[in-house]
Amino acid sequence: MSQKVFLISPEAPPHQFAGPGEQRQVKAGGIRLGTLDNAKGNADHLLAFVVEGVRKLVPVASVVSLKKRNPSVPASGEVLDQLAAEADFVVTAMAD
């Protein structure tokens, strides 16, 4: 007896991106790098590895590392404002 099997893939079609934006120049003193820890376990370790890797690739003038108070809520406006004021680039991470 022959039975039909229907398979459904939950994958969405690939997203079409607009492409690369404007290329930023690294300032003479280096970039001001920001990190935003989402307050989950090991996110701080992951971000430390990222900062270490970035330092090997480009000059880094300063690093500002901030942490959300709770992983299930967005970063506060105060945290986002501080990152905007003190960083040229921001990396955020989730980990467990």
Protein backbone atom coordinates (compact mmCIF):
# COMPACT_ATOMS: atom_id res chain seq x y z
CA MET A 1 0.00 0.00 0.00
CA SER A 2 1.35 3.43 -0.96
CA GLN A 3 0.85 6.39 1.36
CA LYS A 4 1.62 10.00 0.62
CA VAL A 5 3.75 11.92 3.08
CA PHE A 6 3.51 15.70 3.13
CA LEU A 7 6.53 17.55 4.45
CA ILE A 8 6.30 21.20 5.43
CA SER A 9 9.41 23.32 5.80
CA PRO A 10 9.08 26.06 8.44
CA GLU A 11 11.78 28.14 6.78
CA ALA A 12 10.85 31.56 5.51
CA PRO A 13 12.08 32.67 2.09
CA PRO A 14 15.47 34.43 2.17
CA HIS A 15 15.29 38.09 3.12
CA GLN A 16 16.45 40.57 0.50
CA PHE A 17 18.86 43.06 2.06
CA ALA A 18 19.46 46.53 0.73
CA GLY A 19 23.19 45.89 0.52
CA PRO A 20 26.16 47.49 2.22
CA GLY A 21 25.82 51.02 3.42
CA GLU A 22 28.37 53.75 3.63
CA GLN A 23 31.84 52.52 4.58
CA ARG A 24 33.06 54.20 7.74
CA GLN A 25 36.63 55.31 8.15
CA VAL A 26 38.58 54.42 11.29
CA LYS A 27 39.71 57.62 13.03
CA ALA A 28 43.41 58.14 13.64
CA GLY A 29 43.08 57.31 17.35
CA GLY A 30 40.93 54.24 16.70
CA ILE A 31 37.26 53.43 17.07
CA ARG A 32 35.20 53.86 20.20
CA LEU A 33 33.69 50.40 20.66
CA GLY A 34 30.60 49.72 22.73
CA THR A 35 29.25 46.42 23.99
CA LEU A 36 25.78 45.69 25.32
CA ASP A 37 25.45 42.57 27.46
CA ASN A 38 21.88 41.24 27.49
CA ALA A 39 22.32 39.91 31.07
CA LYS A 40 22.23 36.22 30.15
CA GLY A 41 24.92 33.86 31.34
CA ASN A 42 28.17 33.97 29.34
CA ALA A 43 27.23 37.00 27.23
CA ASP A 44 30.00 38.91 29.00
CA HIS A 45 32.53 36.23 28.06
CA LEU A 46 31.38 36.22 24.43
CA LEU A 47 31.63 40.01 24.22
CA ALA A 48 35.13 39.94 25.74
CA PHE A 49 36.20 37.58 22.93
CA VAL A 50 34.63 39.91 20.36
CA VAL A 51 36.44 42.94 21.78
CA GLU A 52 39.70 41.00 21.78
CA GLY A 53 39.16 40.03 18.14
CA VAL A 54 38.27 43.57 17.06
CA ARG A 55 41.42 44.90 18.78
CA LYS A 56 43.46 42.55 16.56
CA LEU A 57 41.84 43.94 13.40
CA VAL A 58 41.48 47.69 13.96
CA PRO A 59 42.80 50.28 16.40
CA VAL A 60 40.45 50.69 19.38
CA ALA A 61 40.61 53.99 21.27
CA SER A 62 38.15 53.01 23.99
CA VAL A 63 35.60 50.40 25.00
CA VAL A 64 32.39 51.11 26.90
CA SER A 65 30.72 47.94 28.22
CA LEU A 66 27.16 48.18 29.49
CA LYS A 67 24.72 45.55 30.70
CA LYS A 68 20.94 45.38 30.59
CA ARG A 69 19.24 44.91 33.96
CA ASN A 70 17.01 42.12 32.74
CA PRO A 71 17.37 39.86 29.68
CA SER A 72 13.64 39.89 28.92
CA VAL A 73 13.21 43.65 28.53
CA PRO A 74 14.79 46.16 26.13
CA ALA A 75 17.77 48.23 27.19
CA SER A 76 16.78 51.42 28.94
CA GLY A 77 16.89 54.74 27.14
CA GLU A 78 19.68 55.80 29.49
CA VAL A 79 21.84 52.84 28.42
CA LEU A 80 21.14 53.44 24.72
CA ASP A 81 21.88 57.16 25.07
CA GLN A 82 25.20 56.41 26.77
CA LEU A 83 26.18 53.99 24.01
CA ALA A 84 25.21 56.53 21.34
CA ALA A 85 27.31 59.21 23.02
CA GLU A 86 30.38 57.10 23.82
CA ALA A 87 30.66 54.58 20.97
CA ASP A 88 31.12 54.64 17.21
CA PHE A 89 30.14 50.96 16.89
CA VAL A 90 28.14 48.76 19.25
CA VAL A 91 28.11 44.97 19.48
CA THR A 92 25.46 43.16 21.48
CA ALA A 93 25.27 39.48 22.41
CA MET A 94 22.97 36.85 23.80
CA ALA A 95 24.38 33.75 25.42
CA ASP A 96 23.51 30.96 27.79
